[in-house]
C-alpha atoms as a PDB file:
ATOM      1  CA  UNK A   1    -127.550-155.797 274.234  1.00  0.00           C
ATOM      2  CA  UNK A   2    -125.771-155.776 270.876  1.00  0.00           C
ATOM      3  CA  UNK A   3    -124.146-152.636 269.553  1.00  0.00           C
ATOM      4  CA  UNK A   4    -125.968-151.003 266.636  1.00  0.00           C
ATOM      5  CA  UNK A   5    -124.103-150.152 263.455  1.00  0.00           C
ATOM      6  CA  UNK A   6    -125.808-146.769 263.037  1.00  0.00           C
ATOM      7  CA  UNK A   7    -126.709-144.391 265.816  1.00  0.00           C
ATOM      8  CA  UNK A   8    -129.613-141.954 265.673  1.00  0.00           C
ATOM      9  CA  UNK A   9    -127.518-139.100 264.252  1.00  0.00           C
ATOM     10  CA  UNK A  10    -126.123-141.257 261.438  1.00  0.00           C
ATOM     11  CA  UNK A  11    -129.605-142.472 260.542  1.00  0.00           C
ATOM     12  CA  UNK A  12    -130.746-138.861 260.304  1.00  0.00           C
ATOM     13  CA  UNK A  13    -127.837-138.167 257.922  1.00  0.00           C
ATOM     14  CA  UNK A  14    -128.908-141.099 255.742  1.00  0.00           C
ATOM     15  CA  UNK A  15    -132.641-140.294 255.574  1.00  0.00           C
ATOM     16  CA  UNK A  16    -131.864-138.040 252.621  1.00  0.00           C
ATOM     17  CA  UNK A  17    -131.755-141.201 250.480  1.00  0.00           C
ATOM     18  CA  UNK A  18    -135.064-142.570 251.778  1.00  0.00           C
ATOM     19  CA  UNK A  19    -137.166-140.531 249.345  1.00  0.00           C
ATOM     20  CA  UNK A  20    -135.290-141.595 246.168  1.00  0.00           C
ATOM     21  CA  UNK A  21    -135.302-145.218 247.373  1.00  0.00           C
ATOM     22  CA  UNK A  22    -139.034-144.996 248.026  1.00  0.00           C
ATOM     23  CA  UNK A  23    -139.670-143.459 244.610  1.00  0.00           C
ATOM     24  CA  UNK A  24    -137.693-146.178 242.857  1.00  0.00           C
ATOM     25  CA  UNK A  25    -139.531-148.871 244.808  1.00  0.00           C
ATOM     26  CA  UNK A  26    -142.889-147.254 243.941  1.00  0.00           C
ATOM     27  CA  UNK A  27    -142.061-147.296 240.223  1.00  0.00           C
ATOM     28  CA  UNK A  28    -140.828-150.903 240.375  1.00  0.00           C
ATOM     29  CA  UNK A  29    -144.197-151.953 241.772  1.00  0.00           C
ATOM     30  CA  UNK A  30    -146.132-149.653 239.415  1.00  0.00           C
ATOM     31  CA  UNK A  31    -144.373-150.918 236.286  1.00  0.00           C
ATOM     32  CA  UNK A  32    -144.660-154.519 237.460  1.00  0.00           C
ATOM     33  CA  UNK A  33    -148.435-154.118 237.725  1.00  0.00           C
ATOM     34  CA  UNK A  34    -148.988-151.977 234.603  1.00  0.00           C
ATOM     35  CA  UNK A  35    -146.701-153.878 232.201  1.00  0.00           C
ATOM     36  CA  UNK A  36    -147.420-157.376 233.547  1.00  0.00           C
ATOM     37  CA  UNK A  37    -148.930-158.661 230.294  1.00  0.00           C
ATOM     38  CA  UNK A  38    -146.650-156.879 227.823  1.00  0.00           C
ATOM     39  CA  UNK A  39    -143.500-157.982 226.035  1.00  0.00           C
ATOM     40  CA  UNK A  40    -141.210-159.857 228.475  1.00  0.00           C
ATOM     41  CA  UNK A  41    -138.077-158.156 227.149  1.00  0.00           C
ATOM     42  CA  UNK A  42    -139.577-154.686 227.575  1.00  0.00           C
ATOM     43  CA  UNK A  43    -140.709-155.655 231.087  1.00  0.00           C
ATOM     44  CA  UNK A  44    -137.233-156.947 232.003  1.00  0.00           C
ATOM     45  CA  UNK A  45    -135.522-153.817 230.663  1.00  0.00           C
ATOM     46  CA  UNK A  46    -137.912-151.468 232.463  1.00  0.00           C
ATOM     47  CA  UNK A  47    -137.450-153.372 235.718  1.00  0.00           C
ATOM     48  CA  UNK A  48    -133.664-153.487 235.341  1.00  0.00           C
ATOM     49  CA  UNK A  49    -133.554-149.728 234.736  1.00  0.00           C
ATOM     50  CA  UNK A  50    -135.215-149.285 238.137  1.00  0.00           C
ATOM     51  CA  UNK A  51    -133.803-152.153 240.193  1.00  0.00           C
ATOM     52  CA  UNK A  52    -130.128-151.542 239.354  1.00  0.00           C
ATOM     53  CA  UNK A  53    -130.166-147.896 240.553  1.00  0.00           C
ATOM     54  CA  UNK A  54    -132.142-148.964 243.638  1.00  0.00           C
ATOM     55  CA  UNK A  55    -129.505-151.558 244.569  1.00  0.00           C
ATOM     56  CA  UNK A  56    -126.622-149.165 243.861  1.00  0.00           C
ATOM     57  CA  UNK A  57    -128.215-146.370 245.916  1.00  0.00           C
ATOM     58  CA  UNK A  58    -129.033-148.738 248.797  1.00  0.00           C
ATOM     59  CA  UNK A  59    -125.470-150.105 248.810  1.00  0.00           C
ATOM     60  CA  UNK A  60    -123.938-146.652 248.608  1.00  0.00           C
ATOM     61  CA  UNK A  61    -126.179-145.453 251.438  1.00  0.00           C
ATOM     62  CA  UNK A  62    -125.123-148.386 253.631  1.00  0.00           C
ATOM     63  CA  UNK A  63    -121.409-147.900 252.939  1.00  0.00           C
ATOM     64  CA  UNK A  64    -121.680-144.170 253.538  1.00  0.00           C
ATOM     65  CA  UNK A  65    -123.432-144.843 256.823  1.00  0.00           C
ATOM     66  CA  UNK A  66    -120.660-147.197 257.919  1.00  0.00           C
ATOM     67  CA  UNK A  67    -118.007-144.643 257.035  1.00  0.00           C
ATOM     68  CA  UNK A  68    -119.848-141.897 258.930  1.00  0.00           C
ATOM     69  CA  UNK A  69    -120.401-144.120 261.984  1.00  0.00           C
ATOM     70  CA  UNK A  70    -116.774-145.303 262.082  1.00  0.00           C
ATOM     71  CA  UNK A  71    -115.478-141.756 261.670  1.00  0.00           C
ATOM     72  CA  UNK A  72    -117.674-140.461 264.480  1.00  0.00           C
ATOM     73  CA  UNK A  73    -116.549-143.236 266.850  1.00  0.00           C
ATOM     74  CA  UNK A  74    -112.819-143.405 266.136  1.00  0.00           C
ATOM     75  CA  UNK A  75    -111.973-140.433 263.932  1.00  0.00           C
ATOM     76  CA  UNK A  76    -110.873-142.842 261.188  1.00  0.00           C
ATOM     77  CA  UNK A  77    -112.755-145.239 258.922  1.00  0.00           C
ATOM     78  CA  UNK A  78    -111.339-148.632 257.983  1.00  0.00           C
ATOM     79  CA  UNK A  79    -114.174-149.021 255.478  1.00  0.00           C
ATOM     80  CA  UNK A  80    -113.113-145.834 253.664  1.00  0.00           C
ATOM     81  CA  UNK A  81    -109.499-147.016 253.650  1.00  0.00           C
ATOM     82  CA  UNK A  82    -110.503-150.404 252.205  1.00  0.00           C
ATOM     83  CA  UNK A  83    -112.664-148.795 249.513  1.00  0.00           C
ATOM     84  CA  UNK A  84    -109.878-146.378 248.569  1.00  0.00           C
ATOM     85  CA  UNK A  85    -107.359-149.228 248.371  1.00  0.00           C
ATOM     86  CA  UNK A  86    -109.719-151.259 246.188  1.00  0.00           C
ATOM     87  CA  UNK A  87    -110.462-148.296 243.909  1.00  0.00           C
ATOM     88  CA  UNK A  88    -106.805-147.451 243.392  1.00  0.00           C
ATOM     89  CA  UNK A  89    -105.667-151.056 243.089  1.00  0.00           C
ATOM     90  CA  UNK A  90    -103.365-150.853 246.090  1.00  0.00           C
ATOM     91  CA  UNK A  91    -102.855-153.805 248.393  1.00  0.00           C
ATOM     92  CA  UNK A  92    -103.475-153.253 252.076  1.00  0.00           C
ATOM     93  CA  UNK A  93    -100.148-153.069 253.893  1.00  0.00           C
ATOM     94  CA  UNK A  94     -98.147-152.441 250.707  1.00  0.00           C
ATOM     95  CA  UNK A  95     -96.417-149.503 252.384  1.00  0.00           C
ATOM     96  CA  UNK A  96     -94.866-151.845 254.960  1.00  0.00           C
ATOM     97  CA  UNK A  97     -92.876-153.749 252.318  1.00  0.00           C
ATOM     98  CA  UNK A  98     -90.706-150.789 251.313  1.00  0.00           C
END
């Protein structure tokens, strides 16, 4: 059997984001139905204002879950290290060159 990325405890930690994701998804569907015949630009803007935060929150939730799962298993997270290196502009292994 394949190893799961998230265990039960990690999934419980991440359920906090299920309600905001569900609310955003509800409003995407609601505005798609209600504003279906209106101005296409207004429809696109209203959808973008909901879809972009949904995607960002879903991605952040996934990355956070990976960091939590890696930290629980090994005490260290390679994902967190990679994100920190990307955010600060450092190259991985740059310390070895000195």
